[in-house]
Amino acid sequence: MTISLSAIHIYPVKALGGISLAQAVVTSRGLQNDRRFMVIDADHQFLTQREYPKMATVWVEIENDEVISFVDTPEDIRDKYQYFTEANMSKLKSIGYERPFHTLEEGVSDYVKNYLVEERYY
């Protein structure tokens, strides 16, 4: 019996579009950069293509074989660089803005559920 491999695909963000590779690195966690991240809603529930088929139209790109990772800013240089951003919403409220504010997670969830599903990509 002959076994052949016809294609290799990775999905860096689970449920989003995949990337076709000519070769892959196998690590203790599987293929390098495969399914390292996922999209969740405001209730921390994982969103799937079964629920939101348009998620397959969102693509991820990895350039120069870079591994996606998070490295916090070292404490000894934090006073030299901006490493945390948080808008002061009191200024908007002071001039009469009354609509509710949303977290990043709520904004992403709203986009996926209400715009990708409805094919409203603006």
Protein backbone atom coordinates (compact mmCIF):
# COMPACT_ATOMS: atom_id res chain seq x y z
CA MET A 1 0.00 0.00 0.00
CA THR A 2 1.37 3.42 -1.01
CA ILE A 3 0.53 6.51 1.02
CA SER A 4 1.11 9.97 -0.44
CA LEU A 5 0.60 13.46 0.90
CA SER A 6 -1.17 15.70 -1.58
CA ALA A 7 -1.37 18.97 0.40
CA ILE A 8 -0.49 20.59 3.72
CA HIS A 9 -2.69 23.30 5.20
CA ILE A 10 -2.45 25.12 8.52
CA TYR A 11 -5.05 27.30 10.19
CA PRO A 12 -3.24 29.73 12.54
CA VAL A 13 -6.59 31.06 13.80
CA LYS A 14 -8.99 28.18 14.29
CA ALA A 15 -12.11 28.48 12.07
CA LEU A 16 -10.62 31.15 9.78
CA GLY A 17 -9.18 30.54 6.32
CA GLY A 18 -6.14 28.30 6.03
CA ILE A 19 -2.71 28.62 4.49
CA SER A 20 -1.34 26.10 1.99
CA LEU A 21 2.28 25.09 2.62
CA ALA A 22 4.90 23.29 0.55
CA GLN A 23 6.43 21.95 3.77
CA ALA A 24 5.72 22.14 7.49
CA VAL A 25 7.59 21.87 10.76
CA VAL A 26 6.19 19.32 13.18
CA THR A 27 6.42 20.32 16.85
CA SER A 28 5.27 18.62 20.05
CA ARG A 29 1.98 20.53 19.62
CA GLY A 30 1.44 19.53 15.98
CA LEU A 31 2.24 21.55 12.88
CA GLN A 32 4.01 24.85 13.63
CA ASN A 33 1.56 27.82 13.71
CA ASP A 34 -1.49 25.57 13.30
CA ARG A 35 -4.57 26.46 15.40
CA ARG A 36 -2.70 28.60 17.93
CA PHE A 37 -5.52 31.16 18.25
CA MET A 38 -9.32 31.21 18.18
CA VAL A 39 -12.10 33.77 17.90
CA ILE A 40 -14.40 34.03 20.90
CA ASP A 41 -17.46 36.08 21.69
CA ALA A 42 -18.09 38.35 24.69
CA ASP A 43 -19.11 35.27 26.73
CA HIS A 44 -15.79 33.59 25.86
CA GLN A 45 -17.53 31.04 23.65
CA PHE A 46 -15.55 29.80 20.66
CA LEU A 47 -17.05 30.83 17.29
CA THR A 48 -17.13 28.19 14.54
CA GLN A 49 -17.56 28.11 10.77
CA ARG A 50 -20.60 25.91 11.33
CA GLU A 51 -22.29 28.83 13.08
CA TYR A 52 -20.70 31.57 10.95
CA PRO A 53 -19.68 30.16 7.53
CA LYS A 54 -18.31 33.52 6.38
CA MET A 55 -15.43 33.08 8.85
CA ALA A 56 -13.82 30.94 6.14
CA THR A 57 -13.45 34.10 4.04
CA VAL A 58 -11.19 35.75 6.62
CA TRP A 59 -7.55 34.95 5.87
CA VAL A 60 -4.47 34.92 8.03
CA GLU A 61 -1.00 35.57 6.66
CA ILE A 62 2.35 34.65 8.13
CA GLU A 63 5.29 36.47 6.58
CA ASN A 64 8.89 35.25 6.63
CA ASP A 65 7.98 32.13 8.65
CA GLU A 66 7.48 34.32 11.73
CA VAL A 67 5.88 32.70 14.73
CA ILE A 68 3.02 34.71 16.20
CA SER A 69 3.61 35.27 19.89
CA PHE A 70 3.08 37.77 22.67
CA VAL A 71 6.00 39.17 24.59
CA ASP A 72 5.23 41.71 27.30
CA THR A 73 7.28 44.92 27.36
CA PRO A 74 10.20 44.50 29.77
CA GLU A 75 9.71 46.55 32.94
CA ASP A 76 13.05 48.33 32.60
CA ILE A 77 12.00 50.07 29.35
CA ARG A 78 8.29 50.70 30.02
CA ASP A 79 8.89 54.33 30.98
CA LYS A 80 10.57 54.94 27.59
CA TYR A 81 7.88 53.44 25.32
CA GLN A 82 4.10 53.38 25.22
CA TYR A 83 3.18 49.82 26.15
CA PHE A 84 -0.40 50.24 27.33
CA THR A 85 -3.16 52.30 25.73
CA GLU A 86 -6.53 53.07 27.22
CA ALA A 87 -8.67 55.90 25.97
CA ASN A 88 -10.11 58.29 28.56
CA MET A 89 -13.83 58.08 27.80
CA SER A 90 -14.71 60.81 30.32
CA LYS A 91 -13.84 63.46 27.71
CA LEU A 92 -16.47 62.10 25.33
CA LYS A 93 -19.02 61.84 28.12
CA SER A 94 -18.29 65.43 29.20
CA ILE A 95 -19.37 66.75 25.78
CA GLY A 96 -22.62 64.78 25.78
CA TYR A 97 -21.79 61.40 24.24
CA GLU A 98 -24.36 59.04 25.75
CA ARG A 99 -24.13 55.82 23.74
CA PRO A 100 -22.66 52.80 25.55
CA PHE A 101 -19.02 51.82 25.08
CA HIS A 102 -18.00 48.27 24.22
CA THR A 103 -14.99 46.11 24.98
CA LEU A 104 -12.70 44.89 22.20
CA GLU A 105 -14.19 41.42 22.62
CA GLU A 106 -17.72 42.79 22.22
CA GLY A 107 -16.68 44.71 19.10
CA VAL A 108 -15.11 41.66 17.44
CA SER A 109 -18.12 39.52 18.36
CA ASP A 110 -20.49 42.13 16.91
CA TYR A 111 -18.47 42.28 13.68
CA VAL A 112 -18.37 38.50 13.23
CA LYS A 113 -22.04 37.92 14.14
CA ASN A 114 -23.66 40.95 12.55
CA TYR A 115 -21.48 41.85 9.60
CA LEU A 116 -19.73 38.70 8.36
CA VAL A 117 -22.96 36.73 8.62
CA GLU A 118 -24.98 39.41 6.85
CA GLU A 119 -22.28 40.00 4.18
CA ARG A 120 -21.93 43.62 5.33
CA TYR A 121 -18.13 44.04 5.25
CA TYR A 122 -17.81 47.74 6.02
